[in-house]
Amino acid sequence: MAKQIDYVITSVWFSDNGKNYKHISHVMLHKVSGNQFQEGIKTVKDDVITLIKSKLTIMTVTWSYPKWIIGVPVTSETNGNIEYLKTVKSSSSKFNLVNLISGSAFL
């Protein structure tokens, strides 16, 4: 039996560190209940990493009319002293965090 999904991510926000590349700063995180997910909460990246370290399962989802499609697991990685969110490599890049809806579209 597959592990239950605890949360899904539908969109991301990026911060510019001034070096011409961006990092995920926030995500739209939705708690999963049964086969549905609740209204999302804009969540700081570090809080998502804490959930991942607590062994909770977080997946990406994308909208494909007429429904949401479950993507790939979200994990974390440390590079130097900075922790990042990342997705498990898959055959389709549409499920990667950087290809989700931009959170700035909601402003």
PDB file of N, CA and C in Angstrom:
ATOM      1  N   MET A   1       0.839  -1.185   0.000  1.00  0.00           N
ATOM      2  CA  MET A   1       0.000   0.000   0.000  1.00  0.00           C
ATOM      3  C   MET A   1       0.885   1.250   0.000  1.00  0.00           C
ATOM      4  N   ALA A   2       0.564   2.184  -0.861  1.00  0.00           N
ATOM      5  CA  ALA A   2       1.337   3.427  -0.949  1.00  0.00           C
ATOM      6  C   ALA A   2       1.080   4.302   0.280  1.00  0.00           C
ATOM      7  N   LYS A   3       2.098   5.030   0.667  1.00  0.00           N
ATOM      8  CA  LYS A   3       1.966   5.938   1.813  1.00  0.00           C
ATOM      9  C   LYS A   3       0.984   7.042   1.469  1.00  0.00           C
ATOM     10  N   GLN A   4       0.197   7.395   2.444  1.00  0.00           N
ATOM     11  CA  GLN A   4      -0.770   8.471   2.285  1.00  0.00           C
ATOM     12  C   GLN A   4      -0.053   9.789   2.045  1.00  0.00           C
ATOM     13  N   ILE A   5      -0.644  10.631   1.222  1.00  0.00           N
ATOM     14  CA  ILE A   5      -0.108  11.973   0.986  1.00  0.00           C
ATOM     15  C   ILE A   5      -0.634  12.876   2.091  1.00  0.00           C
ATOM     16  N   ASP A   6       0.269  13.587   2.757  1.00  0.00           N
ATOM     17  CA  ASP A   6      -0.118  14.476   3.844  1.00  0.00           C
ATOM     18  C   ASP A   6      -0.413  15.895   3.358  1.00  0.00           C
ATOM     19  N   TYR A   7       0.382  16.369   2.385  1.00  0.00           N
ATOM     20  CA  TYR A   7       0.230  17.722   1.857  1.00  0.00           C
ATOM     21  C   TYR A   7       0.515  17.721   0.358  1.00  0.00           C
ATOM     22  N   VAL A   8      -0.043  18.711  -0.335  1.00  0.00           N
ATOM     23  CA  VAL A   8       0.316  18.950  -1.728  1.00  0.00           C
ATOM     24  C   VAL A   8       0.707  20.418  -1.885  1.00  0.00           C
ATOM     25  N   ILE A   9       1.529  20.664  -2.889  1.00  0.00           N
ATOM     26  CA  ILE A   9       1.945  22.019  -3.233  1.00  0.00           C
ATOM     27  C   ILE A   9       1.409  22.344  -4.619  1.00  0.00           C
ATOM     28  N   THR A  10       0.708  23.491  -4.722  1.00  0.00           N
ATOM     29  CA  THR A  10       0.118  23.887  -5.997  1.00  0.00           C
ATOM     30  C   THR A  10       0.830  25.058  -6.661  1.00  0.00           C
ATOM     31  N   SER A  11       1.554  25.858  -5.892  1.00  0.00           N
ATOM     32  CA  SER A  11       2.246  27.009  -6.483  1.00  0.00           C
ATOM     33  C   SER A  11       3.447  27.398  -5.632  1.00  0.00           C
ATOM     34  N   VAL A  12       4.324  28.210  -6.221  1.00  0.00           N
ATOM     35  CA  VAL A  12       5.561  28.603  -5.545  1.00  0.00           C
ATOM     36  C   VAL A  12       5.817  30.101  -5.708  1.00  0.00           C
ATOM     37  N   TRP A  13       6.545  30.657  -4.751  1.00  0.00           N
ATOM     38  CA  TRP A  13       7.041  32.039  -4.801  1.00  0.00           C
ATOM     39  C   TRP A  13       8.555  31.959  -4.792  1.00  0.00           C
ATOM     40  N   PHE A  14       9.176  32.878  -5.493  1.00  0.00           N
ATOM     41  CA  PHE A  14      10.630  32.906  -5.574  1.00  0.00           C
ATOM     42  C   PHE A  14      11.170  34.198  -4.976  1.00  0.00           C
ATOM     43  N   SER A  15      12.369  34.109  -4.422  1.00  0.00           N
ATOM     44  CA  SER A  15      13.073  35.308  -3.970  1.00  0.00           C
ATOM     45  C   SER A  15      14.351  35.414  -4.780  1.00  0.00           C
ATOM     46  N   ASP A  16      14.707  36.607  -5.112  1.00  0.00           N
ATOM     47  CA  ASP A  16      15.922  36.858  -5.875  1.00  0.00           C
ATOM     48  C   ASP A  16      17.033  37.192  -4.882  1.00  0.00           C
ATOM     49  N   ASN A  17      18.118  36.459  -4.951  1.00  0.00           N
ATOM     50  CA  ASN A  17      19.210  36.723  -4.012  1.00  0.00           C
ATOM     51  C   ASN A  17      20.202  37.745  -4.546  1.00  0.00           C
ATOM     52  N   GLY A  18      19.853  38.405  -5.657  1.00  0.00           N
ATOM     53  CA  GLY A  18      20.724  39.423  -6.215  1.00  0.00           C
ATOM     54  C   GLY A  18      21.834  38.886  -7.094  1.00  0.00           C
ATOM     55  N   LYS A  19      21.840  37.591  -7.354  1.00  0.00           N
ATOM     56  CA  LYS A  19      22.899  36.991  -8.168  1.00  0.00           C
ATOM     57  C   LYS A  19      22.335  36.381  -9.449  1.00  0.00           C
ATOM     58  N   ASN A  20      21.234  36.914  -9.922  1.00  0.00           N
ATOM     59  CA  ASN A  20      20.607  36.488 -11.176  1.00  0.00           C
ATOM     60  C   ASN A  20      20.055  35.068 -11.158  1.00  0.00           C
ATOM     61  N   TYR A  21      19.835  34.524 -10.004  1.00  0.00           N
ATOM     62  CA  TYR A  21      19.084  33.277  -9.929  1.00  0.00           C
ATOM     63  C   TYR A  21      18.169  33.342  -8.724  1.00  0.00           C
ATOM     64  N   LYS A  22      17.119  32.562  -8.777  1.00  0.00           N
ATOM     65  CA  LYS A  22      16.078  32.663  -7.762  1.00  0.00           C
ATOM     66  C   LYS A  22      15.955  31.363  -6.980  1.00  0.00           C
ATOM     67  N   HIS A  23      15.464  31.504  -5.758  1.00  0.00           N
ATOM     68  CA  HIS A  23      15.223  30.357  -4.894  1.00  0.00           C
ATOM     69  C   HIS A  23      13.772  30.381  -4.446  1.00  0.00           C
ATOM     70  N   ILE A  24      13.221  29.223  -4.192  1.00  0.00           N
ATOM     71  CA  ILE A  24      11.860  29.147  -3.673  1.00  0.00           C
ATOM     72  C   ILE A  24      11.864  29.696  -2.254  1.00  0.00           C
ATOM     73  N   SER A  25      10.993  30.653  -2.000  1.00  0.00           N
ATOM     74  CA  SER A  25      10.895  31.234  -0.661  1.00  0.00           C
ATOM     75  C   SER A  25       9.635  30.763   0.066  1.00  0.00           C
ATOM     76  N   HIS A  26       8.545  30.551  -0.687  1.00  0.00           N
ATOM     77  CA  HIS A  26       7.255  30.137  -0.127  1.00  0.00           C
ATOM     78  C   HIS A  26       6.570  29.184  -1.104  1.00  0.00           C
ATOM     79  N   VAL A  27       5.637  28.420  -0.586  1.00  0.00           N
ATOM     80  CA  VAL A  27       4.796  27.571  -1.430  1.00  0.00           C
ATOM     81  C   VAL A  27       3.348  27.694  -0.960  1.00  0.00           C
ATOM     82  N   MET A  28       2.428  27.331  -1.839  1.00  0.00           N
ATOM     83  CA  MET A  28       1.028  27.210  -1.440  1.00  0.00           C
ATOM     84  C   MET A  28       0.848  25.752  -1.018  1.00  0.00           C
ATOM     85  N   LEU A  29       0.686  25.544   0.279  1.00  0.00           N
ATOM     86  CA  LEU A  29       0.642  24.212   0.875  1.00  0.00           C
ATOM     87  C   LEU A  29      -0.794  23.889   1.274  1.00  0.00           C
ATOM     88  N   HIS A  30      -1.250  22.703   0.869  1.00  0.00           N
ATOM     89  CA  HIS A  30      -2.609  22.257   1.151  1.00  0.00           C
ATOM     90  C   HIS A  30      -2.560  20.953   1.944  1.00  0.00           C
ATOM     91  N   LYS A  31      -3.237  20.893   3.067  1.00  0.00           N
ATOM     92  CA  LYS A  31      -3.368  19.650   3.836  1.00  0.00           C
ATOM     93  C   LYS A  31      -4.304  18.731   3.074  1.00  0.00           C
ATOM     94  N   VAL A  32      -3.960  17.452   2.988  1.00  0.00           N
ATOM     95  CA  VAL A  32      -4.784  16.465   2.292  1.00  0.00           C
ATOM     96  C   VAL A  32      -5.649  15.742   3.312  1.00  0.00           C
ATOM     97  N   SER A  33      -6.928  15.614   2.980  1.00  0.00           N
ATOM     98  CA  SER A  33      -7.878  14.896   3.823  1.00  0.00           C
ATOM     99  C   SER A  33      -8.675  13.953   2.928  1.00  0.00           C
ATOM    100  N   GLY A  34      -8.423  12.652   3.091  1.00  0.00           N
ATOM    101  CA  GLY A  34      -9.067  11.685   2.198  1.00  0.00           C
ATOM    102  C   GLY A  34      -8.525  11.864   0.796  1.00  0.00           C
ATOM    103  N   ASN A  35      -9.433  12.037  -0.169  1.00  0.00           N
ATOM    104  CA  ASN A  35      -9.028  12.256  -1.560  1.00  0.00           C
ATOM    105  C   ASN A  35      -9.082  13.721  -1.966  1.00  0.00           C
ATOM    106  N   GLN A  36      -9.232  14.612  -1.002  1.00  0.00           N
ATOM    107  CA  GLN A  36      -9.334  16.035  -1.306  1.00  0.00           C
ATOM    108  C   GLN A  36      -8.300  16.815  -0.509  1.00  0.00           C
ATOM    109  N   PHE A  37      -7.969  17.990  -1.012  1.00  0.00           N
ATOM    110  CA  PHE A  37      -7.084  18.835  -0.232  1.00  0.00           C
ATOM    111  C   PHE A  37      -7.777  20.133   0.123  1.00  0.00           C
ATOM    112  N   GLN A  38      -7.383  20.636   1.293  1.00  0.00           N
ATOM    113  CA  GLN A  38      -8.004  21.819   1.860  1.00  0.00           C
ATOM    114  C   GLN A  38      -7.468  23.083   1.198  1.00  0.00           C
ATOM    115  N   GLU A  39      -8.081  24.208   1.552  1.00  0.00           N
ATOM    116  CA  GLU A  39      -7.623  25.493   1.052  1.00  0.00           C
ATOM    117  C   GLU A  39      -6.150  25.669   1.411  1.00  0.00           C
ATOM    118  N   GLY A  40      -5.397  26.239   0.504  1.00  0.00           N
ATOM    119  CA  GLY A  40      -3.960  26.378   0.703  1.00  0.00           C
ATOM    120  C   GLY A  40      -3.577  27.523   1.614  1.00  0.00           C
ATOM    121  N   ILE A  41      -2.408  27.370   2.198  1.00  0.00           N
ATOM    122  CA  ILE A  41      -1.817  28.402   3.053  1.00  0.00           C
ATOM    123  C   ILE A  41      -0.425  28.704   2.509  1.00  0.00           C
ATOM    124  N   LYS A  42      -0.152  29.992   2.284  1.00  0.00           N
ATOM    125  CA  LYS A  42       1.187  30.384   1.847  1.00  0.00           C
ATOM    126  C   LYS A  42       2.144  30.080   2.997  1.00  0.00           C
ATOM    127  N   THR A  43       3.114  29.210   2.721  1.00  0.00           N
ATOM    128  CA  THR A  43       3.972  28.663   3.761  1.00  0.00           C
ATOM    129  C   THR A  43       5.444  28.905   3.422  1.00  0.00           C
ATOM    130  N   VAL A  44       6.202  29.335   4.406  1.00  0.00           N
ATOM    131  CA  VAL A  44       7.637  29.575   4.243  1.00  0.00           C
ATOM    132  C   VAL A  44       8.345  28.252   3.959  1.00  0.00           C
ATOM    133  N   LYS A  45       9.317  28.305   3.067  1.00  0.00           N
ATOM    134  CA  LYS A  45      10.095  27.128   2.668  1.00  0.00           C
ATOM    135  C   LYS A  45      10.628  26.346   3.868  1.00  0.00           C
ATOM    136  N   ASP A  46      11.165  27.026   4.870  1.00  0.00           N
ATOM    137  CA  ASP A  46      11.751  26.344   6.023  1.00  0.00           C
ATOM    138  C   ASP A  46      10.709  25.530   6.793  1.00  0.00           C
ATOM    139  N   ASP A  47       9.467  25.989   6.837  1.00  0.00           N
ATOM    140  CA  ASP A  47       8.409  25.225   7.507  1.00  0.00           C
ATOM    141  C   ASP A  47       8.077  23.954   6.731  1.00  0.00           C
ATOM    142  N   VAL A  48       8.152  24.026   5.414  1.00  0.00           N
ATOM    143  CA  VAL A  48       7.918  22.837   4.582  1.00  0.00           C
ATOM    144  C   VAL A  48       9.041  21.827   4.809  1.00  0.00           C
ATOM    145  N   ILE A  49      10.264  22.308   4.902  1.00  0.00           N
ATOM    146  CA  ILE A  49      11.404  21.417   5.153  1.00  0.00           C
ATOM    147  C   ILE A  49      11.246  20.728   6.504  1.00  0.00           C
ATOM    148  N   THR A  50      10.748  21.430   7.496  1.00  0.00           N
ATOM    149  CA  THR A  50      10.492  20.822   8.809  1.00  0.00           C
ATOM    150  C   THR A  50       9.472  19.688   8.683  1.00  0.00           C
ATOM    151  N   LEU A  51       8.426  19.890   7.890  1.00  0.00           N
ATOM    152  CA  LEU A  51       7.428  18.833   7.676  1.00  0.00           C
ATOM    153  C   LEU A  51       8.058  17.621   6.996  1.00  0.00           C
ATOM    154  N   ILE A  52       8.901  17.868   6.008  1.00  0.00           N
ATOM    155  CA  ILE A  52       9.577  16.772   5.301  1.00  0.00           C
ATOM    156  C   ILE A  52      10.460  15.987   6.263  1.00  0.00           C
ATOM    157  N   LYS A  53      11.195  16.683   7.113  1.00  0.00           N
ATOM    158  CA  LYS A  53      12.061  16.013   8.094  1.00  0.00           C
ATOM    159  C   LYS A  53      11.260  15.240   9.134  1.00  0.00           C
ATOM    160  N   SER A  54       9.991  15.612   9.289  1.00  0.00           N
ATOM    161  CA  SER A  54       9.093  14.887  10.202  1.00  0.00           C
ATOM    162  C   SER A  54       8.491  13.658   9.536  1.00  0.00           C
ATOM    163  N   LYS A  55       8.977  13.336   8.337  1.00  0.00           N
ATOM    164  CA  LYS A  55       8.563  12.154   7.577  1.00  0.00           C
ATOM    165  C   LYS A  55       7.143  12.263   7.016  1.00  0.00           C
ATOM    166  N   LEU A  56       6.662  13.497   6.825  1.00  0.00           N
ATOM    167  CA  LEU A  56       5.367  13.682   6.175  1.00  0.00           C
ATOM    168  C   LEU A  56       5.579  13.674   4.665  1.00  0.00           C
ATOM    169  N   THR A  57       4.600  13.178   3.932  1.00  0.00           N
ATOM    170  CA  THR A  57       4.699  13.087   2.481  1.00  0.00           C
ATOM    171  C   THR A  57       4.078  14.321   1.839  1.00  0.00           C
ATOM    172  N   ILE A  58       4.882  15.011   1.046  1.00  0.00           N
ATOM    173  CA  ILE A  58       4.439  16.208   0.340  1.00  0.00           C
ATOM    174  C   ILE A  58       4.676  15.972  -1.144  1.00  0.00           C
ATOM    175  N   MET A  59       3.645  16.242  -1.957  1.00  0.00           N
ATOM    176  CA  MET A  59       3.705  16.021  -3.402  1.00  0.00           C
ATOM    177  C   MET A  59       3.355  17.304  -4.139  1.00  0.00           C
ATOM    178  N   THR A  60       3.825  17.409  -5.369  1.00  0.00           N
ATOM    179  CA  THR A  60       3.360  18.492  -6.229  1.00  0.00           C
ATOM    180  C   THR A  60       2.053  18.050  -6.885  1.00  0.00           C
ATOM    181  N   VAL A  61       1.237  19.008  -7.288  1.00  0.00           N
ATOM    182  CA  VAL A  61       0.045  18.725  -8.087  1.00  0.00           C
ATOM    183  C   VAL A  61      -0.070  19.785  -9.173  1.00  0.00           C
ATOM    184  N   THR A  62      -0.611  19.403 -10.297  1.00  0.00           N
ATOM    185  CA  THR A  62      -0.852  20.351 -11.386  1.00  0.00           C
ATOM    186  C   THR A  62      -2.287  20.219 -11.858  1.00  0.00           C
ATOM    187  N   TRP A  63      -2.818  21.311 -12.377  1.00  0.00           N
ATOM    188  CA  TRP A  63      -4.196  21.320 -12.865  1.00  0.00           C
ATOM    189  C   TRP A  63      -4.215  20.858 -14.315  1.00  0.00           C
ATOM    190  N   SER A  64      -5.028  19.848 -14.564  1.00  0.00           N
ATOM    191  CA  SER A  64      -5.247  19.354 -15.922  1.00  0.00           C
ATOM    192  C   SER A  64      -6.746  19.136 -16.057  1.00  0.00           C
ATOM    193  N   TYR A  65      -7.406  20.101 -16.683  1.00  0.00           N
ATOM    194  CA  TYR A  65      -8.863  20.101 -16.737  1.00  0.00           C
ATOM    195  C   TYR A  65      -9.389  18.710 -17.057  1.00  0.00           C
ATOM    196  N   PRO A  66     -10.299  18.197 -16.266  1.00  0.00           N
ATOM    197  CA  PRO A  66     -11.097  18.840 -15.225  1.00  0.00           C
ATOM    198  C   PRO A  66     -10.665  18.519 -13.794  1.00  0.00           C
ATOM    199  N   LYS A  67      -9.397  18.137 -13.600  1.00  0.00           N
ATOM    200  CA  LYS A  67      -8.998  17.748 -12.237  1.00  0.00           C
ATOM    201  C   LYS A  67      -7.516  18.028 -11.986  1.00  0.00           C
ATOM    202  N   TRP A  68      -7.144  17.921 -10.710  1.00  0.00           N
ATOM    203  CA  TRP A  68      -5.756  18.026 -10.291  1.00  0.00           C
ATOM    204  C   TRP A  68      -5.077  16.679 -10.508  1.00  0.00           C
ATOM    205  N   ILE A  69      -3.838  16.704 -10.963  1.00  0.00           N
ATOM    206  CA  ILE A  69      -3.045  15.491 -11.183  1.00  0.00           C
ATOM    207  C   ILE A  69      -1.889  15.489 -10.182  1.00  0.00           C
ATOM    208  N   ILE A  70      -1.772  14.385  -9.438  1.00  0.00           N
ATOM    209  CA  ILE A  70      -0.677  14.241  -8.474  1.00  0.00           C
ATOM    210  C   ILE A  70       0.639  14.126  -9.231  1.00  0.00           C
ATOM    211  N   GLY A  71       1.625  14.867  -8.776  1.00  0.00           N
ATOM    212  CA  GLY A  71       2.928  14.893  -9.429  1.00  0.00           C
ATOM    213  C   GLY A  71       3.944  13.998  -8.761  1.00  0.00           C
ATOM    214  N   VAL A  72       4.964  14.611  -8.206  1.00  0.00           N
ATOM    215  CA  VAL A  72       6.096  13.879  -7.635  1.00  0.00           C
ATOM    216  C   VAL A  72       6.345  14.319  -6.201  1.00  0.00           C
ATOM    217  N   PRO A  73       7.059  13.493  -5.424  1.00  0.00           N
ATOM    218  CA  PRO A  73       7.379  13.868  -4.042  1.00  0.00           C
ATOM    219  C   PRO A  73       8.311  15.082  -3.972  1.00  0.00           C
ATOM    220  N   VAL A  74       8.125  15.862  -2.915  1.00  0.00           N
ATOM    221  CA  VAL A  74       8.981  17.006  -2.630  1.00  0.00           C
ATOM    222  C   VAL A  74       9.919  16.598  -1.494  1.00  0.00           C
ATOM    223  N   THR A  75      11.193  16.883  -1.669  1.00  0.00           N
ATOM    224  CA  THR A  75      12.203  16.571  -0.658  1.00  0.00           C
ATOM    225  C   THR A  75      12.996  17.843  -0.375  1.00  0.00           C
ATOM    226  N   SER A  76      14.021  17.704   0.442  1.00  0.00           N
ATOM    227  CA  SER A  76      14.902  18.845   0.694  1.00  0.00           C
ATOM    228  C   SER A  76      16.344  18.411   0.480  1.00  0.00           C
ATOM    229  N   GLU A  77      17.177  19.400   0.258  1.00  0.00           N
ATOM    230  CA  GLU A  77      18.600  19.147   0.029  1.00  0.00           C
ATOM    231  C   GLU A  77      19.386  20.298   0.646  1.00  0.00           C
ATOM    232  N   THR A  78      20.525  19.969   1.204  1.00  0.00           N
ATOM    233  CA  THR A  78      21.387  20.998   1.779  1.00  0.00           C
ATOM    234  C   THR A  78      22.585  21.206   0.870  1.00  0.00           C
ATOM    235  N   ASN A  79      22.856  22.480   0.576  1.00  0.00           N
ATOM    236  CA  ASN A  79      24.027  22.836  -0.214  1.00  0.00           C
ATOM    237  C   ASN A  79      24.766  23.898   0.590  1.00  0.00           C
ATOM    238  N   GLY A  80      25.916  23.532   1.122  1.00  0.00           N
ATOM    239  CA  GLY A  80      26.619  24.426   2.047  1.00  0.00           C
ATOM    240  C   GLY A  80      25.819  24.487   3.336  1.00  0.00           C
ATOM    241  N   ASN A  81      25.381  25.662   3.714  1.00  0.00           N
ATOM    242  CA  ASN A  81      24.559  25.773   4.923  1.00  0.00           C
ATOM    243  C   ASN A  81      23.126  26.200   4.603  1.00  0.00           C
ATOM    244  N   ILE A  82      22.746  26.100   3.316  1.00  0.00           N
ATOM    245  CA  ILE A  82      21.402  26.485   2.907  1.00  0.00           C
ATOM    246  C   ILE A  82      20.606  25.243   2.516  1.00  0.00           C
ATOM    247  N   GLU A  83      19.377  25.159   3.019  1.00  0.00           N
ATOM    248  CA  GLU A  83      18.489  24.057   2.665  1.00  0.00           C
ATOM    249  C   GLU A  83      17.519  24.516   1.580  1.00  0.00           C
ATOM    250  N   TYR A  84      17.300  23.647   0.622  1.00  0.00           N
ATOM    251  CA  TYR A  84      16.433  23.940  -0.511  1.00  0.00           C
ATOM    252  C   TYR A  84      15.345  22.887  -0.614  1.00  0.00           C
ATOM    253  N   LEU A  85      14.228  23.275  -1.213  1.00  0.00           N
ATOM    254  CA  LEU A  85      13.204  22.311  -1.590  1.00  0.00           C
ATOM    255  C   LEU A  85      13.533  21.802  -2.982  1.00  0.00           C
ATOM    256  N   LYS A  86      13.247  20.543  -3.229  1.00  0.00           N
ATOM    257  CA  LYS A  86      13.451  19.995  -4.566  1.00  0.00           C
ATOM    258  C   LYS A  86      12.450  18.874  -4.798  1.00  0.00           C
ATOM    259  N   THR A  87      12.258  18.537  -6.040  1.00  0.00           N
ATOM    260  CA  THR A  87      11.365  17.437  -6.379  1.00  0.00           C
ATOM    261  C   THR A  87      12.183  16.224  -6.783  1.00  0.00           C
ATOM    262  N   VAL A  88      11.591  15.069  -6.574  1.00  0.00           N
ATOM    263  CA  VAL A  88      12.211  13.828  -7.013  1.00  0.00           C
ATOM    264  C   VAL A  88      12.170  13.821  -8.538  1.00  0.00           C
ATOM    265  N   LYS A  89      13.261  13.447  -9.158  1.00  0.00           N
ATOM    266  CA  LYS A  89      13.359  13.448 -10.614  1.00  0.00           C
ATOM    267  C   LYS A  89      12.305  12.524 -11.221  1.00  0.00           C
ATOM    268  N   SER A  90      11.643  13.020 -12.266  1.00  0.00           N
ATOM    269  CA  SER A  90      10.644  12.208 -12.957  1.00  0.00           C
ATOM    270  C   SER A  90      10.809  12.382 -14.460  1.00  0.00           C
ATOM    271  N   SER A  91      10.011  11.641 -15.202  1.00  0.00           N
ATOM    272  CA  SER A  91      10.095  11.729 -16.659  1.00  0.00           C
ATOM    273  C   SER A  91       9.403  12.973 -17.202  1.00  0.00           C
ATOM    274  N   SER A  92       8.627  13.657 -16.368  1.00  0.00           N
ATOM    275  CA  SER A  92       7.917  14.859 -16.822  1.00  0.00           C
ATOM    276  C   SER A  92       8.297  16.062 -15.974  1.00  0.00           C
ATOM    277  N   SER A  93       8.842  17.086 -16.612  1.00  0.00           N
ATOM    278  CA  SER A  93       9.258  18.274 -15.871  1.00  0.00           C
ATOM    279  C   SER A  93       8.076  19.113 -15.409  1.00  0.00           C
ATOM    280  N   LYS A  94       6.866  18.846 -15.917  1.00  0.00           N
ATOM    281  CA  LYS A  94       5.714  19.669 -15.529  1.00  0.00           C
ATOM    282  C   LYS A  94       5.390  19.540 -14.050  1.00  0.00           C
ATOM    283  N   PHE A  95       5.890  18.502 -13.394  1.00  0.00           N
ATOM    284  CA  PHE A  95       5.630  18.306 -11.971  1.00  0.00           C
ATOM    285  C   PHE A  95       6.704  18.918 -11.085  1.00  0.00           C
ATOM    286  N   ASN A  96       7.775  19.458 -11.655  1.00  0.00           N
ATOM    287  CA  ASN A  96       8.835  20.082 -10.867  1.00  0.00           C
ATOM    288  C   ASN A  96       8.324  21.338 -10.191  1.00  0.00           C
ATOM    289  N   LEU A  97       8.865  21.664  -9.047  1.00  0.00           N
ATOM    290  CA  LEU A  97       8.438  22.853  -8.311  1.00  0.00           C
ATOM    291  C   LEU A  97       8.544  24.117  -9.155  1.00  0.00           C
ATOM    292  N   VAL A  98       9.617  24.266  -9.909  1.00  0.00           N
ATOM    293  CA  VAL A  98       9.798  25.498 -10.685  1.00  0.00           C
ATOM    294  C   VAL A  98       8.784  25.635 -11.813  1.00  0.00           C
ATOM    295  N   ASN A  99       8.104  24.569 -12.168  1.00  0.00           N
ATOM    296  CA  ASN A  99       7.114  24.623 -13.239  1.00  0.00           C
ATOM    297  C   ASN A  99       5.678  24.725 -12.737  1.00  0.00           C
ATOM    298  N   LEU A 100       5.501  24.807 -11.422  1.00  0.00           N
ATOM    299  CA  LEU A 100       4.156  25.001 -10.886  1.00  0.00           C
ATOM    300  C   LEU A 100       3.722  26.448 -11.100  1.00  0.00           C
ATOM    301  N   ILE A 101       2.487  26.735 -10.803  1.00  0.00           N
ATOM    302  CA  ILE A 101       1.945  28.083 -10.928  1.00  0.00           C
ATOM    303  C   ILE A 101       2.770  29.031 -10.065  1.00  0.00           C
ATOM    304  N   SER A 102       3.077  30.191 -10.599  1.00  0.00           N
ATOM    305  CA  SER A 102       3.797  31.202  -9.831  1.00  0.00           C
ATOM    306  C   SER A 102       2.860  31.826  -8.823  1.00  0.00           C
ATOM    307  N   GLY A 103       3.262  31.827  -7.552  1.00  0.00           N
ATOM    308  CA  GLY A 103       2.443  32.411  -6.513  1.00  0.00           C
ATOM    309  C   GLY A 103       2.184  33.884  -6.736  1.00  0.00           C
ATOM    310  N   SER A 104       3.083  34.565  -7.430  1.00  0.00           N
ATOM    311  CA  SER A 104       2.885  35.988  -7.683  1.00  0.00           C
ATOM    312  C   SER A 104       1.676  36.226  -8.590  1.00  0.00           C
ATOM    313  N   ALA A 105       1.187  35.191  -9.255  1.00  0.00           N
ATOM    314  CA  ALA A 105      -0.007  35.325 -10.098  1.00  0.00           C
ATOM    315  C   ALA A 105      -1.245  35.583  -9.236  1.00  0.00           C
ATOM    316  N   PHE A 106      -1.170  35.298  -7.933  1.00  0.00           N
ATOM    317  CA  PHE A 106      -2.313  35.459  -7.040  1.00  0.00           C
ATOM    318  C   PHE A 106      -2.379  36.845  -6.415  1.00  0.00           C
ATOM    319  N   LEU A 107      -1.392  37.683  -6.660  1.00  0.00           N
ATOM    320  CA  LEU A 107      -1.358  39.020  -6.056  1.00  0.00           C
ATOM    321  C   LEU A 107      -2.236  39.985  -6.799  1.00  0.00           C
TER     322      LEU A 107
END
